[in-house]
Amino acid sequence: MQVTLWGTRGSLATPGPEMARYGGNTSCVGVRGREGTVLVLDAGTGIRRLAKTLPDSLRRVDVLLTHLHMDHIQGLGFFAPLYRTDIEVHIWGPASTSLALPTRLKRYLSPPLFPLHLHELPMLKFHEVPCGEVDIGEFRVRAALVCHPGPTVGYRISAPGGGVLTYLPDHEPALGPLRFPSQSREWTSGGTLAAESDLLIHDSQYSAAEYPGHRGWGHSSLNQTLDFGTLTNVKQLVPFHHDPDHTDAELDLLIAQAMEQAKPAYRVTPGIEGTVFEL
């Protein structure tokens, strides 16, 4: 399994030298299997760069949306395979209690917010999650609801022969427990989804000082992210969904300070656009 970070911000950041390394695109991660299966995790603005790397021979691509906040779908209408009649595009994502997934997406992919209607796109197929474990090509995929405003899921992706990726880009596991981290994965949002993962990509939008002013917004501090990694016994963790106001230098400092305090027993790799992981 090859995992590539194409967008790592929580919302659009103004491009400039102060953000040259971490990047300014919103959430998007590409996953490729040895047999050619392609998964796209979220459809932030980074999806445009991802699309340019897809092989001409590709005939199916699966887009797994965690939720429908704008920073996670604003690149969807600019995803080149949507306009090709020789590629099936499967979109997975949560419905609401009253609206199906296609109906929810039509609120964005229709005038006046977008020039085309969703039904005009040629080869779209929709799947609502969570729906138990499913096989997508060579991957086994599990989705579960997690703590974030509105219907939101995280994904656990397993490759044949080993290799587990968990993707929790918008997640506030500290909101529910009386004490965080608790001693129980089962009673912590996303705990069983992330357990024993080889690679965990996790929300880390705030510093410890910033988090109290944003409690309940659905995001984690870096310290909480590292504690969650320890609770779930992951092998490697990627802090992700960076605040668009944090520069490269600020992110370097915040991550270093959080790691010095937590002293995690696993590897931590900052979420920088273009980073590739082999599982």
Protein backbone atom coordinates (compact mmCIF):
# COMPACT_ATOMS: atom_id res chain seq x y z
CA MET A 1 0.00 0.00 0.00
CA GLN A 2 1.34 3.40 -1.00
CA VAL A 3 -0.07 6.45 0.82
CA THR A 4 0.53 9.99 -0.49
CA LEU A 5 -0.46 13.26 1.20
CA TRP A 6 -1.90 15.71 -1.33
CA GLY A 7 -3.56 18.22 1.00
CA THR A 8 -3.02 18.60 4.74
CA ARG A 9 -4.71 21.86 5.80
CA GLY A 10 -7.98 22.29 7.67
CA SER A 11 -9.00 25.12 5.32
CA LEU A 12 -7.25 26.96 2.54
CA ALA A 13 -4.01 28.68 3.46
CA THR A 14 -2.57 31.54 1.45
CA PRO A 15 0.38 30.14 -0.50
CA GLY A 16 3.71 31.73 0.29
CA PRO A 17 7.25 30.98 1.42
CA GLU A 18 6.10 30.74 5.05
CA MET A 19 4.02 27.67 4.07
CA ALA A 20 6.20 26.24 1.33
CA ARG A 21 6.95 22.91 3.04
CA TYR A 22 3.66 21.97 4.70
CA GLY A 23 1.58 23.25 1.79
CA GLY A 24 -1.74 25.07 1.59
CA ASN A 25 -4.19 22.57 0.05
CA THR A 26 -7.11 21.11 1.99
CA SER A 27 -7.51 17.48 3.01
CA CYS A 28 -6.80 14.82 0.41
CA VAL A 29 -4.81 11.57 0.64
CA GLY A 30 -4.19 9.04 -2.11
CA VAL A 31 -3.91 5.29 -1.51
CA ARG A 32 -2.67 2.85 -4.15
CA GLY A 33 -2.49 -0.91 -3.97
CA ARG A 34 -0.05 -3.27 -5.59
CA GLU A 35 -2.82 -4.58 -7.84
CA GLY A 36 -3.74 -1.08 -9.06
CA THR A 37 -6.65 -0.16 -6.76
CA VAL A 38 -6.87 3.61 -6.19
CA LEU A 39 -8.61 5.17 -3.20
CA VAL A 40 -8.94 8.91 -2.63
CA LEU A 41 -9.51 9.94 0.98
CA ASP A 42 -11.47 13.21 0.97
CA ALA A 43 -11.79 15.64 -1.92
CA GLY A 44 -10.14 18.82 -0.72
CA THR A 45 -8.23 21.04 -3.12
CA GLY A 46 -5.29 18.61 -3.14
CA ILE A 47 -7.38 16.25 -5.30
CA ARG A 48 -6.47 18.24 -8.42
CA ARG A 49 -2.78 17.40 -8.02
CA LEU A 50 -3.64 13.78 -7.26
CA ALA A 51 -5.66 13.50 -10.48
CA LYS A 52 -2.62 14.40 -12.59
CA THR A 53 -0.79 11.31 -11.29
CA LEU A 54 -3.47 8.76 -12.21
CA PRO A 55 -2.57 6.34 -15.01
CA ASP A 56 -4.46 6.53 -18.31
CA SER A 57 -5.32 2.85 -17.95
CA LEU A 58 -7.33 3.44 -14.75
CA ARG A 59 -10.99 2.40 -15.10
CA ARG A 60 -12.24 2.84 -11.53
CA VAL A 61 -11.43 5.20 -8.67
CA ASP A 62 -13.11 5.31 -5.24
CA VAL A 63 -13.46 8.60 -3.35
CA LEU A 64 -14.00 8.07 0.39
CA LEU A 65 -15.43 11.20 2.04
CA THR A 66 -15.24 11.50 5.81
CA HIS A 67 -17.89 14.25 5.90
CA LEU A 68 -19.26 17.04 3.76
CA HIS A 69 -17.71 20.16 5.28
CA MET A 70 -16.52 22.39 2.46
CA ASP A 71 -12.78 21.96 3.02
CA HIS A 72 -13.21 18.21 2.39
CA ILE A 73 -15.27 18.43 -0.80
CA GLN A 74 -14.30 21.72 -2.44
CA GLY A 75 -12.00 19.98 -4.92
CA LEU A 76 -14.51 17.32 -5.95
CA GLY A 77 -15.99 19.25 -8.87
CA PHE A 78 -12.49 19.74 -10.29
CA PHE A 79 -11.53 16.06 -10.14
CA ALA A 80 -10.73 15.20 -13.77
CA PRO A 81 -12.02 11.56 -13.75
CA LEU A 82 -15.55 12.86 -13.06
CA TYR A 83 -15.75 14.02 -16.68
CA ARG A 84 -14.46 10.86 -18.35
CA THR A 85 -16.90 8.24 -19.62
CA ASP A 86 -14.30 5.47 -19.40
CA ILE A 87 -13.76 5.72 -15.62
CA GLU A 88 -16.24 4.72 -12.93
CA VAL A 89 -16.07 7.10 -9.98
CA HIS A 90 -17.48 5.60 -6.78
CA ILE A 91 -18.19 8.11 -4.02
CA TRP A 92 -18.50 6.84 -0.45
CA GLY A 93 -19.68 9.08 2.39
CA PRO A 94 -22.19 9.59 5.19
CA ALA A 95 -25.83 10.45 4.71
CA SER A 96 -27.70 12.57 7.24
CA THR A 97 -30.74 11.52 9.25
CA SER A 98 -32.97 13.07 6.58
CA LEU A 99 -30.98 13.29 3.32
CA ALA A 100 -29.22 10.70 1.19
CA LEU A 101 -25.58 11.20 0.21
CA PRO A 102 -26.28 12.34 -3.42
CA THR A 103 -28.88 14.84 -2.19
CA ARG A 104 -26.42 16.28 0.30
CA LEU A 105 -23.71 16.62 -2.37
CA LYS A 106 -26.14 18.32 -4.77
CA ARG A 107 -26.16 21.31 -2.45
CA TYR A 108 -22.61 22.01 -3.61
CA LEU A 109 -22.50 20.41 -7.06
CA SER A 110 -25.28 22.52 -8.58
CA PRO A 111 -25.88 26.19 -9.47
CA PRO A 112 -25.27 28.77 -8.14
CA LEU A 113 -22.27 27.23 -6.34
CA PHE A 114 -21.16 25.09 -9.29
CA PRO A 115 -21.97 25.36 -13.02
CA LEU A 116 -23.03 21.72 -13.48
CA HIS A 117 -25.59 19.53 -11.79
CA LEU A 118 -24.50 16.31 -10.14
CA HIS A 119 -26.69 14.22 -12.45
CA GLU A 120 -24.83 15.57 -15.50
CA LEU A 121 -21.62 13.80 -14.51
CA PRO A 122 -21.38 10.53 -16.50
CA MET A 123 -20.11 7.62 -14.40
CA LEU A 124 -20.91 8.34 -10.75
CA LYS A 125 -21.97 5.69 -8.25
CA PHE A 126 -22.79 6.41 -4.59
CA HIS A 127 -22.37 4.33 -1.42
CA GLU A 128 -23.44 5.41 2.05
CA VAL A 129 -21.28 4.71 5.11
CA PRO A 130 -20.87 3.34 7.68
CA CYS A 131 -21.99 0.06 6.15
CA GLY A 132 -19.84 -2.57 7.82
CA GLU A 133 -16.66 -3.87 6.23
CA VAL A 134 -16.49 -3.78 2.43
CA ASP A 135 -13.93 -4.87 -0.14
CA ILE A 136 -12.84 -2.19 -2.61
CA GLY A 137 -10.50 -3.82 -5.06
CA GLU A 138 -7.72 -5.39 -3.02
CA PHE A 139 -8.49 -3.37 0.12
CA ARG A 140 -10.75 -4.16 3.05
CA VAL A 141 -12.36 -0.89 4.24
CA ARG A 142 -14.20 -0.21 7.48
CA ALA A 143 -15.92 3.07 8.34
CA ALA A 144 -17.21 4.20 11.72
CA LEU A 145 -18.89 7.34 13.01
CA VAL A 146 -16.55 9.58 15.02
CA CYS A 147 -16.78 12.71 17.15
CA HIS A 148 -17.05 15.75 14.86
CA PRO A 149 -20.00 18.09 14.14
CA GLY A 150 -22.41 16.60 11.60
CA PRO A 151 -22.33 13.03 10.23
CA THR A 152 -18.60 12.18 10.12
CA VAL A 153 -16.73 8.91 9.71
CA GLY A 154 -13.18 7.69 9.93
CA TYR A 155 -11.76 4.94 7.72
CA ARG A 156 -9.60 1.89 8.45
CA ILE A 157 -8.01 0.42 5.30
CA SER A 158 -6.30 -2.98 5.33
CA ALA A 159 -4.13 -4.32 2.54
CA PRO A 160 -3.75 -8.03 1.73
CA GLY A 161 -0.75 -9.53 3.44
CA GLY A 162 -0.58 -6.77 6.05
CA GLY A 163 -0.51 -2.99 6.26
CA VAL A 164 -3.23 -0.97 8.01
CA LEU A 165 -3.97 2.72 7.50
CA THR A 166 -6.44 4.65 9.67
CA TYR A 167 -7.63 8.07 8.49
CA LEU A 168 -9.19 10.42 11.06
CA PRO A 169 -8.65 13.94 9.68
CA ASP A 170 -11.42 15.70 11.66
CA HIS A 171 -11.74 14.19 15.10
CA GLU A 172 -12.15 15.29 18.72
CA PRO A 173 -11.86 12.15 20.88
CA ALA A 174 -11.20 14.27 23.98
CA LEU A 175 -14.69 15.77 23.92
CA GLY A 176 -16.58 12.75 25.28
CA PRO A 177 -14.52 11.22 28.11
CA LEU A 178 -14.50 12.76 31.59
CA ARG A 179 -10.76 12.20 31.48
CA PHE A 180 -8.72 11.97 28.29
CA PRO A 181 -7.04 9.77 27.40
CA SER A 182 -9.17 7.16 29.09
CA GLN A 183 -7.98 3.62 29.64
CA SER A 184 -10.44 2.16 27.14
CA ARG A 185 -10.19 2.23 23.36
CA GLU A 186 -13.73 0.88 23.14
CA TRP A 187 -15.17 3.91 24.93
CA THR A 188 -13.07 6.46 23.05
CA SER A 189 -14.23 7.83 19.70
CA GLY A 190 -12.21 6.19 16.92
CA GLY A 191 -10.36 3.96 19.39
CA THR A 192 -11.15 0.59 17.89
CA LEU A 193 -10.88 1.98 14.36
CA ALA A 194 -7.28 3.09 14.90
CA ALA A 195 -6.11 0.24 17.17
CA GLU A 196 -2.72 -1.24 16.22
CA SER A 197 -2.58 0.67 12.92
CA ASP A 198 0.67 0.78 10.98
CA LEU A 199 -0.08 4.38 10.01
CA LEU A 200 -2.55 6.78 11.64
CA ILE A 201 -3.35 10.10 9.95
CA HIS A 202 -5.05 12.21 12.61
CA ASP A 203 -6.45 15.67 13.18
CA SER A 204 -4.05 17.95 15.09
CA GLN A 205 -5.33 21.42 14.28
CA TYR A 206 -4.60 23.19 17.56
CA SER A 207 -1.82 23.73 20.04
CA ALA A 208 -2.54 22.85 23.66
CA ALA A 209 -2.99 26.57 24.39
CA GLU A 210 -5.44 27.06 21.50
CA TYR A 211 -7.65 24.04 22.16
CA PRO A 212 -9.65 25.35 25.18
CA GLY A 213 -11.01 28.20 23.07
CA HIS A 214 -12.18 25.74 20.40
CA ARG A 215 -13.53 22.88 22.52
CA GLY A 216 -16.50 21.27 20.76
CA TRP A 217 -15.43 22.40 17.29
CA GLY A 218 -14.52 18.81 16.38
CA HIS A 219 -10.73 19.06 16.31
CA SER A 220 -7.78 17.97 18.45
CA SER A 221 -4.70 19.56 19.91
CA LEU A 222 -1.32 18.08 19.03
CA ASN A 223 -0.99 16.79 22.58
CA GLN A 224 -4.34 15.00 22.37
CA THR A 225 -3.37 13.51 19.02
CA LEU A 226 -0.18 12.04 20.49
CA ASP A 227 -2.11 10.72 23.49
CA PHE A 228 -4.60 9.10 21.12
CA GLY A 229 -1.74 7.44 19.25
CA THR A 230 -0.45 6.00 22.51
CA LEU A 231 -3.92 4.80 23.52
CA THR A 232 -4.39 3.00 20.21
CA ASN A 233 -0.84 1.63 20.08
CA VAL A 234 -0.09 2.78 16.53
CA LYS A 235 3.29 2.28 14.85
CA GLN A 236 3.47 5.65 13.09
CA LEU A 237 1.39 8.83 13.38
CA VAL A 238 0.95 11.77 11.01
CA PRO A 239 -0.33 15.05 12.55
CA PHE A 240 -2.79 16.37 9.94
CA HIS A 241 -5.45 19.03 9.24
CA HIS A 242 -3.17 21.90 10.18
CA ASP A 243 -4.61 25.29 11.08
CA PRO A 244 -4.26 27.54 7.99
CA ASP A 245 -2.81 30.31 10.18
CA HIS A 246 0.11 28.16 11.35
CA THR A 247 3.27 28.75 9.33
CA ASP A 248 5.94 26.11 8.65
CA ALA A 249 8.08 27.43 11.48
CA GLU A 250 5.15 27.47 13.92
CA LEU A 251 4.18 23.90 13.02
CA ASP A 252 7.76 22.72 13.45
CA LEU A 253 7.86 24.28 16.92
CA LEU A 254 4.41 23.05 17.99
CA ILE A 255 5.15 19.48 16.94
CA ALA A 256 8.55 19.52 18.64
CA GLN A 257 7.06 20.86 21.88
CA ALA A 258 4.21 18.33 21.88
CA MET A 259 6.61 15.44 21.24
CA GLU A 260 8.95 16.59 24.00
CA GLN A 261 6.04 16.57 26.44
CA ALA A 262 4.44 13.29 25.28
CA LYS A 263 7.62 11.36 24.40
CA PRO A 264 5.68 8.93 22.18
CA ALA A 265 6.98 5.39 21.76
CA TYR A 266 6.05 5.41 18.06
CA ARG A 267 7.31 7.35 15.06
CA VAL A 268 5.79 10.78 14.33
CA THR A 269 6.00 12.21 10.80
CA PRO A 270 4.57 15.71 10.25
CA GLY A 271 1.83 15.94 7.62
CA ILE A 272 3.59 17.63 4.72
CA GLU A 273 2.16 17.68 1.18
CA GLY A 274 3.92 15.26 -1.13
CA THR A 275 5.04 12.88 1.62
CA VAL A 276 4.81 9.21 0.57
CA PHE A 277 4.48 6.23 2.90
CA GLU A 278 4.96 2.59 1.93
CA LEU A 279 3.07 0.07 4.10
